Amino acid sequence: MEKIRILLVDDDRQNSEFLEKFLEAEGYEVAYAENGHKGWEAFSADKPDLVLLDVNMPEMNGFDLARLIREQDRDVLIFFLTDRTEKDDRLKGFDLKGNDYIPKPFYPEELIAKIKERFEHRQSATSTRMTIGQTVFDSNLSTIEIDGVVQHISARQSEILTILALNIGQTVERENILKSVWGNDSYANSLALNVQITYLRKLLAADTTITIVSLKKRGIVLEVK
């Protein structure tokens, strides 16, 4: 099996060298670029399977680079690795079709787990598709299709939507979603769930038959007309 090729774009050379060695020890092929412009050159020259992007970089920031990449390739995986953790930054990352948004500092093992999860989804031979209202949702590929337009969603968004879709019309307790997707129901993860629900509503807005309702102190329900 060919090695998974990763492009790491980050202006913090010291931490990048550590992460690069860690990824290579796990069997990944890693290329490094120290800013957005060099990252774009590296991406254009040798299309990677995954791009790890810092946001705050000189010359071209990670958001601008992600926009260029998505204009050329809608399938490559993009993970933002950044200390910009405000809600608006997270939403912008996902609006640019980022597949994950990982706050710094993080454990390298956490990143490895996320990478393995994404590529296990991609390598699965069986496609799990379900129809929700006028939307076709593929949980293996993490895609939604509305009126012939296919959009990629993050792994966590896919997990959340799967849980809600399997319980259409029923209230799913926030605690159950948090423990299933994040492993615990901490306050930080609860805020992250709010962000993901906001983004899912935006993604599904074109399907007027679907509504995601948040019930205060109770849970979340996916309603289909």
N, C-alpha and C. Protein backbone atom coordinates (compact mmCIF):
# COMPACT_ATOMS: atom_id res chain seq x y z
N MET A 1 0.84 -1.20 0.00
CA MET A 1 0.00 0.00 0.00
C MET A 1 0.88 1.25 0.00
N GLU A 2 0.53 2.22 -0.84
CA GLU A 2 1.31 3.45 -0.90
C GLU A 2 1.18 4.23 0.41
N LYS A 3 2.28 4.92 0.73
CA LYS A 3 2.25 5.76 1.93
C LYS A 3 1.31 6.94 1.73
N ILE A 4 0.63 7.32 2.80
CA ILE A 4 -0.19 8.53 2.78
C ILE A 4 0.74 9.73 2.80
N ARG A 5 0.53 10.65 1.86
CA ARG A 5 1.40 11.82 1.74
C ARG A 5 0.76 13.02 2.42
N ILE A 6 1.55 13.64 3.32
CA ILE A 6 1.06 14.77 4.11
C ILE A 6 1.90 16.00 3.83
N LEU A 7 1.23 17.12 3.63
CA LEU A 7 1.91 18.41 3.50
C LEU A 7 1.65 19.21 4.77
N LEU A 8 2.71 19.54 5.48
CA LEU A 8 2.63 20.33 6.72
C LEU A 8 3.07 21.76 6.42
N VAL A 9 2.17 22.71 6.65
CA VAL A 9 2.46 24.12 6.36
C VAL A 9 2.34 24.91 7.66
N ASP A 10 3.49 25.37 8.18
CA ASP A 10 3.51 26.04 9.49
C ASP A 10 4.82 26.81 9.60
N ASP A 11 4.76 28.05 10.07
CA ASP A 11 5.98 28.85 10.15
C ASP A 11 6.78 28.58 11.43
N ASP A 12 6.26 27.75 12.32
CA ASP A 12 6.99 27.37 13.53
C ASP A 12 7.87 26.17 13.19
N ARG A 13 9.11 26.44 12.80
CA ARG A 13 9.97 25.38 12.31
C ARG A 13 10.31 24.34 13.38
N GLN A 14 10.57 24.79 14.60
CA GLN A 14 10.97 23.85 15.65
C GLN A 14 9.87 22.83 15.94
N ASN A 15 8.66 23.30 16.18
CA ASN A 15 7.55 22.39 16.45
C ASN A 15 7.21 21.54 15.23
N SER A 16 7.39 22.13 14.05
CA SER A 16 7.09 21.40 12.82
C SER A 16 8.05 20.23 12.63
N GLU A 17 9.32 20.45 12.97
CA GLU A 17 10.30 19.37 12.85
C GLU A 17 9.93 18.20 13.77
N PHE A 18 9.51 18.53 14.98
CA PHE A 18 9.09 17.48 15.93
C PHE A 18 7.89 16.72 15.37
N LEU A 19 6.89 17.46 14.88
CA LEU A 19 5.68 16.82 14.36
C LEU A 19 5.99 16.01 13.11
N GLU A 20 6.87 16.55 12.27
CA GLU A 20 7.26 15.85 11.05
C GLU A 20 7.88 14.49 11.38
N LYS A 21 8.80 14.46 12.35
CA LYS A 21 9.45 13.20 12.74
C LYS A 21 8.43 12.23 13.34
N PHE A 22 7.48 12.77 14.10
CA PHE A 22 6.46 11.92 14.71
C PHE A 22 5.59 11.27 13.62
N LEU A 23 5.20 12.05 12.63
CA LEU A 23 4.37 11.53 11.54
C LEU A 23 5.13 10.50 10.71
N GLU A 24 6.38 10.78 10.44
CA GLU A 24 7.20 9.84 9.66
C GLU A 24 7.40 8.53 10.42
N ALA A 25 7.52 8.61 11.74
CA ALA A 25 7.66 7.40 12.55
C ALA A 25 6.41 6.54 12.49
N GLU A 26 5.27 7.18 12.17
CA GLU A 26 4.01 6.45 12.03
C GLU A 26 3.81 5.91 10.62
N GLY A 27 4.79 6.16 9.74
CA GLY A 27 4.72 5.60 8.40
C GLY A 27 4.20 6.54 7.33
N TYR A 28 4.02 7.82 7.67
CA TYR A 28 3.53 8.79 6.69
C TYR A 28 4.69 9.46 5.96
N GLU A 29 4.44 9.86 4.73
CA GLU A 29 5.43 10.62 3.95
C GLU A 29 5.10 12.10 4.11
N VAL A 30 6.04 12.88 4.63
CA VAL A 30 5.75 14.26 5.01
C VAL A 30 6.61 15.26 4.24
N ALA A 31 5.96 16.27 3.68
CA ALA A 31 6.65 17.41 3.08
C ALA A 31 6.34 18.63 3.93
N TYR A 32 7.29 19.58 4.00
CA TYR A 32 7.12 20.75 4.87
C TYR A 32 7.26 22.04 4.07
N ALA A 33 6.41 23.02 4.42
CA ALA A 33 6.52 24.35 3.85
C ALA A 33 6.37 25.37 4.98
N GLU A 34 7.18 26.43 4.95
CA GLU A 34 7.25 27.36 6.08
C GLU A 34 6.27 28.53 6.00
N ASN A 35 5.55 28.67 4.90
CA ASN A 35 4.54 29.72 4.80
C ASN A 35 3.52 29.35 3.72
N GLY A 36 2.48 30.17 3.62
CA GLY A 36 1.40 29.86 2.69
C GLY A 36 1.82 29.80 1.24
N HIS A 37 2.69 30.73 0.81
CA HIS A 37 3.12 30.74 -0.59
C HIS A 37 3.88 29.47 -0.94
N LYS A 38 4.81 29.09 -0.07
CA LYS A 38 5.57 27.87 -0.32
C LYS A 38 4.67 26.63 -0.20
N GLY A 39 3.67 26.74 0.68
CA GLY A 39 2.72 25.65 0.81
C GLY A 39 1.93 25.45 -0.47
N TRP A 40 1.54 26.55 -1.11
CA TRP A 40 0.79 26.47 -2.36
C TRP A 40 1.66 25.88 -3.47
N GLU A 41 2.92 26.27 -3.51
CA GLU A 41 3.85 25.72 -4.49
C GLU A 41 4.02 24.22 -4.29
N ALA A 42 4.17 23.82 -3.03
CA ALA A 42 4.36 22.40 -2.72
C ALA A 42 3.10 21.60 -3.05
N PHE A 43 1.94 22.17 -2.75
CA PHE A 43 0.69 21.47 -3.05
C PHE A 43 0.51 21.31 -4.55
N SER A 44 0.79 22.36 -5.31
CA SER A 44 0.61 22.31 -6.76
C SER A 44 1.58 21.35 -7.43
N ALA A 45 2.79 21.23 -6.86
CA ALA A 45 3.81 20.38 -7.46
C ALA A 45 3.57 18.90 -7.20
N ASP A 46 3.09 18.58 -6.01
CA ASP A 46 2.94 17.17 -5.64
C ASP A 46 1.71 17.03 -4.76
N LYS A 47 0.58 16.74 -5.38
CA LYS A 47 -0.70 16.71 -4.66
C LYS A 47 -0.65 15.72 -3.49
N PRO A 48 -0.75 16.21 -2.26
CA PRO A 48 -0.75 15.33 -1.08
C PRO A 48 -2.14 14.75 -0.84
N ASP A 49 -2.20 13.82 0.09
CA ASP A 49 -3.48 13.25 0.50
C ASP A 49 -4.11 14.06 1.64
N LEU A 50 -3.26 14.76 2.40
CA LEU A 50 -3.71 15.53 3.57
C LEU A 50 -2.84 16.76 3.71
N VAL A 51 -3.47 17.90 4.00
CA VAL A 51 -2.75 19.14 4.26
C VAL A 51 -3.01 19.56 5.71
N LEU A 52 -1.93 19.74 6.47
CA LEU A 52 -2.01 20.24 7.84
C LEU A 52 -1.64 21.71 7.81
N LEU A 53 -2.57 22.58 8.17
CA LEU A 53 -2.39 24.01 7.98
C LEU A 53 -2.42 24.81 9.28
N ASP A 54 -1.37 25.58 9.52
CA ASP A 54 -1.44 26.63 10.53
C ASP A 54 -2.25 27.77 9.93
N VAL A 55 -2.82 28.62 10.76
CA VAL A 55 -3.59 29.77 10.24
C VAL A 55 -2.73 31.03 10.19
N ASN A 56 -2.09 31.37 11.29
CA ASN A 56 -1.29 32.60 11.34
C ASN A 56 0.10 32.35 10.75
N MET A 57 0.28 32.79 9.51
CA MET A 57 1.58 32.63 8.84
C MET A 57 1.88 33.87 8.02
N PRO A 58 3.16 34.18 7.82
CA PRO A 58 3.52 35.33 6.98
C PRO A 58 3.24 35.05 5.51
N GLU A 59 3.08 36.12 4.74
CA GLU A 59 2.93 36.08 3.28
C GLU A 59 1.56 35.59 2.83
N MET A 60 1.11 34.45 3.32
CA MET A 60 -0.24 33.96 3.03
C MET A 60 -0.71 33.12 4.21
N ASN A 61 -1.86 33.47 4.81
CA ASN A 61 -2.30 32.71 5.97
C ASN A 61 -2.99 31.41 5.56
N GLY A 62 -3.26 30.58 6.56
CA GLY A 62 -3.83 29.26 6.29
C GLY A 62 -5.21 29.30 5.67
N PHE A 63 -6.03 30.28 6.05
CA PHE A 63 -7.36 30.38 5.46
C PHE A 63 -7.27 30.68 3.97
N ASP A 64 -6.38 31.59 3.59
CA ASP A 64 -6.24 31.93 2.17
C ASP A 64 -5.70 30.75 1.37
N LEU A 65 -4.76 30.02 1.98
CA LEU A 65 -4.22 28.84 1.30
C LEU A 65 -5.30 27.77 1.14
N ALA A 66 -6.10 27.56 2.17
CA ALA A 66 -7.18 26.57 2.09
C ALA A 66 -8.16 26.93 0.97
N ARG A 67 -8.44 28.22 0.82
CA ARG A 67 -9.36 28.65 -0.23
C ARG A 67 -8.79 28.31 -1.61
N LEU A 68 -7.51 28.55 -1.82
CA LEU A 68 -6.87 28.21 -3.10
C LEU A 68 -6.91 26.70 -3.34
N ILE A 69 -6.60 25.95 -2.30
CA ILE A 69 -6.59 24.49 -2.44
C ILE A 69 -7.96 23.96 -2.81
N ARG A 70 -9.00 24.47 -2.13
CA ARG A 70 -10.35 23.99 -2.40
C ARG A 70 -10.84 24.38 -3.79
N GLU A 71 -10.35 25.48 -4.33
CA GLU A 71 -10.71 25.86 -5.70
C GLU A 71 -10.17 24.85 -6.71
N GLN A 72 -9.07 24.20 -6.35
CA GLN A 72 -8.44 23.25 -7.26
C GLN A 72 -8.77 21.80 -6.92
N ASP A 73 -9.00 21.50 -5.67
CA ASP A 73 -9.19 20.11 -5.25
C ASP A 73 -10.19 20.06 -4.09
N ARG A 74 -11.34 19.47 -4.34
CA ARG A 74 -12.37 19.42 -3.28
C ARG A 74 -12.26 18.16 -2.43
N ASP A 75 -11.39 17.23 -2.82
CA ASP A 75 -11.31 15.94 -2.13
C ASP A 75 -10.17 15.83 -1.13
N VAL A 76 -9.07 16.57 -1.34
CA VAL A 76 -7.94 16.46 -0.42
C VAL A 76 -8.38 16.85 0.99
N LEU A 77 -7.89 16.13 1.98
CA LEU A 77 -8.25 16.44 3.36
C LEU A 77 -7.45 17.65 3.86
N ILE A 78 -8.12 18.53 4.60
CA ILE A 78 -7.47 19.70 5.18
C ILE A 78 -7.77 19.74 6.67
N PHE A 79 -6.70 19.71 7.49
CA PHE A 79 -6.83 19.89 8.94
C PHE A 79 -6.19 21.22 9.30
N PHE A 80 -6.92 22.09 9.98
CA PHE A 80 -6.33 23.31 10.51
C PHE A 80 -5.73 23.00 11.88
N LEU A 81 -4.46 23.37 12.08
CA LEU A 81 -3.78 23.23 13.37
C LEU A 81 -3.43 24.64 13.84
N THR A 82 -4.13 25.16 14.83
CA THR A 82 -3.98 26.59 15.12
C THR A 82 -4.34 26.93 16.56
N ASP A 83 -3.79 28.06 17.02
CA ASP A 83 -4.16 28.57 18.34
C ASP A 83 -5.32 29.57 18.24
N ARG A 84 -5.86 29.76 17.04
CA ARG A 84 -7.04 30.61 16.87
C ARG A 84 -8.27 29.75 17.11
N THR A 85 -8.83 29.86 18.32
CA THR A 85 -9.88 28.94 18.73
C THR A 85 -11.25 29.60 18.91
N GLU A 86 -11.37 30.86 18.53
CA GLU A 86 -12.66 31.53 18.67
C GLU A 86 -13.69 30.89 17.73
N LYS A 87 -14.96 31.03 18.09
CA LYS A 87 -16.05 30.43 17.32
C LYS A 87 -16.01 30.87 15.86
N ASP A 88 -15.80 32.18 15.63
CA ASP A 88 -15.79 32.70 14.25
C ASP A 88 -14.66 32.09 13.43
N ASP A 89 -13.51 31.85 14.06
CA ASP A 89 -12.39 31.23 13.35
C ASP A 89 -12.72 29.79 12.99
N ARG A 90 -13.32 29.05 13.93
CA ARG A 90 -13.70 27.67 13.66
C ARG A 90 -14.70 27.60 12.52
N LEU A 91 -15.70 28.46 12.57
CA LEU A 91 -16.72 28.49 11.52
C LEU A 91 -16.09 28.83 10.16
N LYS A 92 -15.14 29.75 10.17
CA LYS A 92 -14.48 30.11 8.91
C LYS A 92 -13.71 28.91 8.36
N GLY A 93 -13.03 28.18 9.26
CA GLY A 93 -12.29 27.00 8.83
C GLY A 93 -13.19 25.98 8.17
N PHE A 94 -14.35 25.71 8.78
CA PHE A 94 -15.27 24.74 8.21
C PHE A 94 -15.98 25.30 6.98
N ASP A 95 -16.18 26.62 6.95
CA ASP A 95 -16.78 27.24 5.77
C ASP A 95 -15.87 27.09 4.55
N LEU A 96 -14.58 27.02 4.80
CA LEU A 96 -13.61 26.79 3.72
C LEU A 96 -13.44 25.31 3.41
N LYS A 97 -14.36 24.51 3.93
CA LYS A 97 -14.39 23.05 3.69
C LYS A 97 -13.22 22.34 4.35
N GLY A 98 -12.76 22.87 5.50
CA GLY A 98 -11.77 22.14 6.27
C GLY A 98 -12.40 20.90 6.86
N ASN A 99 -11.66 19.80 6.93
CA ASN A 99 -12.20 18.55 7.44
C ASN A 99 -12.08 18.42 8.95
N ASP A 100 -11.18 19.20 9.54
CA ASP A 100 -11.07 19.22 11.00
C ASP A 100 -10.37 20.50 11.42
N TYR A 101 -10.59 20.89 12.68
CA TYR A 101 -10.03 22.14 13.21
C TYR A 101 -9.49 21.80 14.59
N ILE A 102 -8.17 21.67 14.71
CA ILE A 102 -7.54 21.15 15.92
C ILE A 102 -6.81 22.29 16.65
N PRO A 103 -7.25 22.64 17.84
CA PRO A 103 -6.61 23.75 18.58
C PRO A 103 -5.21 23.36 19.07
N LYS A 104 -4.30 24.33 19.00
CA LYS A 104 -2.99 24.15 19.63
C LYS A 104 -3.07 24.62 21.08
N PRO A 105 -2.32 24.00 21.98
CA PRO A 105 -1.46 22.83 21.76
C PRO A 105 -2.30 21.56 21.72
N PHE A 106 -1.79 20.54 21.04
CA PHE A 106 -2.49 19.27 20.96
C PHE A 106 -1.46 18.15 21.12
N TYR A 107 -1.95 16.98 21.46
CA TYR A 107 -1.07 15.82 21.56
C TYR A 107 -0.90 15.21 20.17
N PRO A 108 0.35 14.92 19.76
CA PRO A 108 0.55 14.29 18.44
C PRO A 108 -0.27 13.02 18.28
N GLU A 109 -0.45 12.28 19.37
CA GLU A 109 -1.24 11.04 19.30
C GLU A 109 -2.69 11.33 18.92
N GLU A 110 -3.20 12.48 19.36
CA GLU A 110 -4.56 12.87 19.00
C GLU A 110 -4.66 13.11 17.50
N LEU A 111 -3.66 13.79 16.94
CA LEU A 111 -3.65 14.04 15.51
C LEU A 111 -3.57 12.73 14.73
N ILE A 112 -2.70 11.83 15.16
CA ILE A 112 -2.56 10.54 14.49
C ILE A 112 -3.89 9.79 14.48
N ALA A 113 -4.58 9.82 15.61
CA ALA A 113 -5.87 9.13 15.70
C ALA A 113 -6.88 9.71 14.71
N LYS A 114 -6.88 11.03 14.57
CA LYS A 114 -7.80 11.68 13.64
C LYS A 114 -7.44 11.34 12.19
N ILE A 115 -6.15 11.30 11.89
CA ILE A 115 -5.72 10.96 10.53
C ILE A 115 -6.13 9.53 10.18
N LYS A 116 -5.87 8.62 11.10
CA LYS A 116 -6.22 7.21 10.85
C LYS A 116 -7.72 7.05 10.66
N GLU A 117 -8.48 7.77 11.48
CA GLU A 117 -9.94 7.69 11.37
C GLU A 117 -10.41 8.14 10.00
N ARG A 118 -9.88 9.26 9.53
CA ARG A 118 -10.32 9.79 8.23
C ARG A 118 -9.99 8.84 7.09
N PHE A 119 -8.78 8.27 7.11
CA PHE A 119 -8.38 7.41 6.00
C PHE A 119 -9.02 6.02 6.10
N GLU A 120 -9.37 5.59 7.29
CA GLU A 120 -10.14 4.36 7.41
C GLU A 120 -11.51 4.53 6.79
N HIS A 121 -12.10 5.72 6.97
CA HIS A 121 -13.38 6.02 6.34
C HIS A 121 -13.24 5.97 4.82
N ARG A 122 -12.18 6.56 4.31
CA ARG A 122 -12.00 6.63 2.86
C ARG A 122 -11.73 5.27 2.23
N GLN A 123 -11.03 4.41 2.98
CA GLN A 123 -10.64 3.13 2.43
C GLN A 123 -11.72 2.06 2.58
N SER A 124 -12.79 2.39 3.30
CA SER A 124 -13.87 1.42 3.48
C SER A 124 -14.53 1.13 2.14
N ALA A 125 -14.74 -0.12 1.86
CA ALA A 125 -15.31 -0.51 0.55
C ALA A 125 -16.81 -0.28 0.51
N THR A 126 -17.46 -0.27 1.67
CA THR A 126 -18.90 -0.15 1.72
C THR A 126 -19.31 1.29 1.96
N SER A 127 -20.16 1.80 1.10
CA SER A 127 -20.65 3.17 1.25
C SER A 127 -21.96 3.15 2.02
N THR A 128 -22.01 3.91 3.10
CA THR A 128 -23.23 3.97 3.91
C THR A 128 -23.98 5.24 3.53
N ARG A 129 -25.06 5.06 2.80
CA ARG A 129 -25.84 6.20 2.32
C ARG A 129 -27.24 6.15 2.91
N MET A 130 -27.74 7.31 3.27
CA MET A 130 -29.12 7.40 3.73
C MET A 130 -29.73 8.69 3.19
N THR A 131 -31.04 8.64 2.99
CA THR A 131 -31.75 9.82 2.50
C THR A 131 -32.47 10.48 3.66
N ILE A 132 -32.20 11.78 3.83
CA ILE A 132 -32.83 12.57 4.88
C ILE A 132 -33.54 13.72 4.19
N GLY A 133 -34.86 13.68 4.16
CA GLY A 133 -35.58 14.72 3.41
C GLY A 133 -35.18 14.67 1.95
N GLN A 134 -34.61 15.76 1.45
CA GLN A 134 -34.14 15.82 0.07
C GLN A 134 -32.61 15.70 -0.01
N THR A 135 -32.00 15.28 1.09
CA THR A 135 -30.55 15.19 1.20
C THR A 135 -30.10 13.73 1.21
N VAL A 136 -29.05 13.44 0.43
CA VAL A 136 -28.42 12.12 0.47
C VAL A 136 -27.14 12.25 1.29
N PHE A 137 -27.09 11.54 2.38
CA PHE A 137 -25.96 11.62 3.31
C PHE A 137 -25.17 10.33 3.25
N ASP A 138 -23.85 10.45 2.99
CA ASP A 138 -22.95 9.29 2.97
C ASP A 138 -22.02 9.42 4.17
N SER A 139 -22.25 8.61 5.20
CA SER A 139 -21.47 8.74 6.43
C SER A 139 -20.05 8.23 6.27
N ASN A 140 -19.82 7.29 5.36
CA ASN A 140 -18.46 6.80 5.14
C ASN A 140 -17.59 7.83 4.44
N LEU A 141 -18.15 8.46 3.42
CA LEU A 141 -17.41 9.46 2.66
C LEU A 141 -17.50 10.84 3.29
N SER A 142 -18.36 10.97 4.31
CA SER A 142 -18.60 12.28 4.95
C SER A 142 -19.01 13.33 3.92
N THR A 143 -20.08 13.00 3.18
CA THR A 143 -20.59 13.94 2.18
C THR A 143 -22.10 14.06 2.32
N ILE A 144 -22.62 15.21 1.91
CA ILE A 144 -24.06 15.39 1.76
C ILE A 144 -24.31 15.89 0.34
N GLU A 145 -25.40 15.43 -0.24
CA GLU A 145 -25.75 15.83 -1.61
C GLU A 145 -27.16 16.38 -1.62
N ILE A 146 -27.29 17.63 -2.07
CA ILE A 146 -28.59 18.29 -2.16
C ILE A 146 -28.74 18.85 -3.57
N ASP A 147 -29.78 18.43 -4.29
CA ASP A 147 -30.03 18.88 -5.67
C ASP A 147 -28.80 18.69 -6.54
N GLY A 148 -28.12 17.57 -6.38
CA GLY A 148 -26.97 17.25 -7.22
C GLY A 148 -25.67 17.89 -6.81
N VAL A 149 -25.70 18.74 -5.78
CA VAL A 149 -24.49 19.41 -5.30
C VAL A 149 -23.94 18.64 -4.10
N VAL A 150 -22.70 18.17 -4.23
CA VAL A 150 -22.07 17.38 -3.17
C VAL A 150 -21.15 18.27 -2.35
N GLN A 151 -21.29 18.17 -1.03
CA GLN A 151 -20.43 18.93 -0.12
C GLN A 151 -19.77 17.97 0.87
N HIS A 152 -18.51 18.23 1.17
CA HIS A 152 -17.80 17.43 2.16
C HIS A 152 -18.00 18.05 3.54
N ILE A 153 -18.16 17.19 4.54
CA ILE A 153 -18.28 17.65 5.91
C ILE A 153 -17.19 16.99 6.75
N SER A 154 -16.96 17.53 7.93
CA SER A 154 -15.89 16.99 8.78
C SER A 154 -16.33 15.66 9.40
N ALA A 155 -15.35 14.93 9.93
CA ALA A 155 -15.65 13.63 10.55
C ALA A 155 -16.63 13.80 11.71
N ARG A 156 -16.44 14.82 12.51
CA ARG A 156 -17.32 15.03 13.65
C ARG A 156 -18.72 15.44 13.21
N GLN A 157 -18.79 16.28 12.19
CA GLN A 157 -20.10 16.64 11.66
C GLN A 157 -20.82 15.41 11.14
N SER A 158 -20.07 14.51 10.51
CA SER A 158 -20.64 13.26 10.00
C SER A 158 -21.15 12.39 11.13
N GLU A 159 -20.39 12.30 12.22
CA GLU A 159 -20.80 11.49 13.37
C GLU A 159 -22.08 12.06 14.00
N ILE A 160 -22.10 13.39 14.15
CA ILE A 160 -23.28 14.04 14.75
C ILE A 160 -24.50 13.82 13.89
N LEU A 161 -24.35 14.03 12.57
CA LEU A 161 -25.48 13.88 11.66
C LEU A 161 -25.97 12.44 11.63
N THR A 162 -25.05 11.48 11.73
CA THR A 162 -25.45 10.07 11.76
C THR A 162 -26.32 9.79 12.97
N ILE A 163 -25.89 10.28 14.13
CA ILE A 163 -26.67 10.07 15.36
C ILE A 163 -28.07 10.67 15.23
N LEU A 164 -28.14 11.90 14.73
CA LEU A 164 -29.44 12.57 14.58
C LEU A 164 -30.30 11.88 13.53
N ALA A 165 -29.68 11.46 12.42
CA ALA A 165 -30.43 10.83 11.33
C ALA A 165 -31.01 9.48 11.72
N LEU A 166 -30.34 8.81 12.65
CA LEU A 166 -30.85 7.51 13.12
C LEU A 166 -31.95 7.68 14.16
N ASN A 167 -32.19 8.94 14.54
CA ASN A 167 -33.23 9.23 15.54
C ASN A 167 -34.12 10.38 15.08
N ILE A 168 -34.50 10.37 13.80
CA ILE A 168 -35.30 11.46 13.24
C ILE A 168 -36.59 11.64 14.04
N GLY A 169 -36.85 12.90 14.41
CA GLY A 169 -38.06 13.21 15.16
C GLY A 169 -37.96 12.96 16.64
N GLN A 170 -36.83 12.40 17.08
CA GLN A 170 -36.65 12.11 18.50
C GLN A 170 -35.58 13.02 19.10
N THR A 171 -35.75 13.42 20.32
CA THR A 171 -34.76 14.25 21.00
C THR A 171 -33.58 13.39 21.44
N VAL A 172 -32.38 13.77 21.00
CA VAL A 172 -31.17 13.07 21.41
C VAL A 172 -30.48 13.95 22.45
N GLU A 173 -30.25 13.42 23.62
CA GLU A 173 -29.65 14.21 24.69
C GLU A 173 -28.24 14.66 24.31
N ARG A 174 -27.92 15.91 24.66
CA ARG A 174 -26.60 16.46 24.35
C ARG A 174 -25.50 15.58 24.95
N GLU A 175 -25.73 15.10 26.17
CA GLU A 175 -24.73 14.27 26.83
C GLU A 175 -24.39 13.03 26.01
N ASN A 176 -25.41 12.43 25.40
CA ASN A 176 -25.18 11.23 24.59
C ASN A 176 -24.36 11.55 23.35
N ILE A 177 -24.66 12.70 22.71
CA ILE A 177 -23.90 13.09 21.53
C ILE A 177 -22.45 13.38 21.90
N LEU A 178 -22.27 14.13 22.99
CA LEU A 178 -20.92 14.52 23.41
C LEU A 178 -20.07 13.30 23.75
N LYS A 179 -20.64 12.36 24.47
CA LYS A 179 -19.87 11.17 24.86
C LYS A 179 -19.58 10.29 23.66
N SER A 180 -20.51 10.23 22.72
CA SER A 180 -20.32 9.41 21.53
C SER A 180 -19.28 10.00 20.59
N VAL A 181 -19.29 11.32 20.41
CA VAL A 181 -18.42 11.98 19.43
C VAL A 181 -17.08 12.41 20.04
N TRP A 182 -17.12 12.99 21.24
CA TRP A 182 -15.90 13.53 21.86
C TRP A 182 -15.35 12.66 23.00
N GLY A 183 -16.15 11.77 23.52
CA GLY A 183 -15.69 10.92 24.60
C GLY A 183 -16.07 11.40 25.99
N ASN A 184 -16.43 12.69 26.11
CA ASN A 184 -16.90 13.22 27.40
C ASN A 184 -17.73 14.46 27.15
N ASP A 185 -18.47 14.87 28.20
CA ASP A 185 -19.40 16.00 28.04
C ASP A 185 -18.88 17.25 28.74
N SER A 186 -17.60 17.55 28.57
CA SER A 186 -17.01 18.74 29.18
C SER A 186 -17.61 20.01 28.59
N TYR A 187 -17.41 21.10 29.31
CA TYR A 187 -17.94 22.40 28.85
C TYR A 187 -17.34 22.79 27.50
N ALA A 188 -16.02 22.57 27.34
CA ALA A 188 -15.36 22.92 26.07
C ALA A 188 -15.95 22.12 24.92
N ASN A 189 -16.21 20.84 25.14
CA ASN A 189 -16.79 20.01 24.08
C ASN A 189 -18.23 20.41 23.80
N SER A 190 -18.93 20.86 24.84
CA SER A 190 -20.31 21.33 24.64
C SER A 190 -20.33 22.56 23.73
N LEU A 191 -19.36 23.46 23.92
CA LEU A 191 -19.26 24.62 23.05
C LEU A 191 -18.92 24.19 21.63
N ALA A 192 -18.03 23.19 21.51
CA ALA A 192 -17.66 22.69 20.19
C ALA A 192 -18.87 22.07 19.48
N LEU A 193 -19.73 21.40 20.23
CA LEU A 193 -20.95 20.84 19.65
C LEU A 193 -21.84 21.94 19.10
N ASN A 194 -21.96 23.05 19.84
CA ASN A 194 -22.75 24.18 19.36
C ASN A 194 -22.23 24.67 18.01
N VAL A 195 -20.91 24.75 17.89
CA VAL A 195 -20.29 25.21 16.63
C VAL A 195 -20.64 24.24 15.50
N GLN A 196 -20.52 22.95 15.76
CA GLN A 196 -20.78 21.96 14.72
C GLN A 196 -22.25 21.97 14.30
N ILE A 197 -23.15 22.15 15.25
CA ILE A 197 -24.58 22.21 14.91
C ILE A 197 -24.87 23.44 14.05
N THR A 198 -24.25 24.57 14.41
CA THR A 198 -24.42 25.79 13.61
C THR A 198 -23.96 25.55 12.18
N TYR A 199 -22.83 24.88 12.04
CA TYR A 199 -22.32 24.65 10.70
C TYR A 199 -23.18 23.64 9.93
N LEU A 200 -23.68 22.62 10.61
CA LEU A 200 -24.55 21.65 9.94
C LEU A 200 -25.83 22.33 9.45
N ARG A 201 -26.37 23.23 10.24
CA ARG A 201 -27.56 23.96 9.80
C ARG A 201 -27.27 24.74 8.51
N LYS A 202 -26.10 25.35 8.47
CA LYS A 202 -25.70 26.12 7.28
C LYS A 202 -25.55 25.20 6.08
N LEU A 203 -24.92 24.05 6.28
CA LEU A 203 -24.72 23.10 5.18
C LEU A 203 -26.03 22.57 4.63
N LEU A 204 -26.99 22.36 5.53
CA LEU A 204 -28.26 21.75 5.14
C LEU A 204 -29.33 22.78 4.79
N ALA A 205 -28.97 24.05 4.79
CA ALA A 205 -29.97 25.11 4.59
C ALA A 205 -30.69 25.00 3.26
N ALA A 206 -30.01 24.46 2.24
CA ALA A 206 -30.64 24.34 0.91
C ALA A 206 -31.78 23.33 0.90
N ASP A 207 -31.81 22.43 1.87
CA ASP A 207 -32.90 21.45 1.99
C ASP A 207 -33.91 21.98 3.00
N THR A 208 -34.98 22.56 2.50
CA THR A 208 -35.97 23.20 3.36
C THR A 208 -36.85 22.20 4.10
N THR A 209 -36.67 20.90 3.82
CA THR A 209 -37.46 19.88 4.52
C THR A 209 -36.81 19.48 5.84
N ILE A 210 -35.58 19.94 6.06
CA ILE A 210 -34.82 19.54 7.25
C ILE A 210 -34.66 20.71 8.22
N THR A 211 -34.86 20.43 9.50
CA THR A 211 -34.62 21.42 10.55
C THR A 211 -33.91 20.73 11.71
N ILE A 212 -32.83 21.36 12.21
CA ILE A 212 -32.16 20.86 13.40
C ILE A 212 -32.54 21.79 14.55
N VAL A 213 -33.24 21.25 15.54
CA VAL A 213 -33.76 22.05 16.64
C VAL A 213 -32.99 21.74 17.92
N SER A 214 -32.52 22.79 18.57
CA SER A 214 -31.85 22.63 19.88
C SER A 214 -32.86 22.95 20.97
N LEU A 215 -33.09 21.99 21.84
CA LEU A 215 -34.03 22.15 22.95
C LEU A 215 -33.24 22.41 24.22
N LYS A 216 -33.42 23.58 24.80
CA LYS A 216 -32.64 23.99 25.97
C LYS A 216 -32.75 22.98 27.10
N LYS A 217 -31.59 22.59 27.60
CA LYS A 217 -31.46 21.66 28.72
C LYS A 217 -32.02 20.27 28.41
N ARG A 218 -32.33 20.00 27.16
CA ARG A 218 -32.86 18.68 26.81
C ARG A 218 -31.99 17.97 25.78
N GLY A 219 -31.86 18.56 24.61
CA GLY A 219 -31.08 17.89 23.59
C GLY A 219 -31.29 18.48 22.22
N ILE A 220 -31.08 17.68 21.20
CA ILE A 220 -31.17 18.13 19.81
C ILE A 220 -32.02 17.14 19.04
N VAL A 221 -32.86 17.68 18.16
CA VAL A 221 -33.73 16.82 17.36
C VAL A 221 -33.63 17.21 15.90
N LEU A 222 -33.55 16.20 15.02
CA LEU A 222 -33.56 16.42 13.58
C LEU A 222 -34.99 16.18 13.08
N GLU A 223 -35.60 17.24 12.58
CA GLU A 223 -36.98 17.15 12.10
C GLU A 223 -37.00 17.17 10.57
N VAL A 224 -37.83 16.32 9.99
CA VAL A 224 -37.98 16.25 8.53
C VAL A 224 -39.44 16.37 8.19
N LYS A 225 -39.77 17.31 7.31
CA LYS A 225 -41.17 17.53 6.91
C LYS A 225 -41.64 16.41 5.98
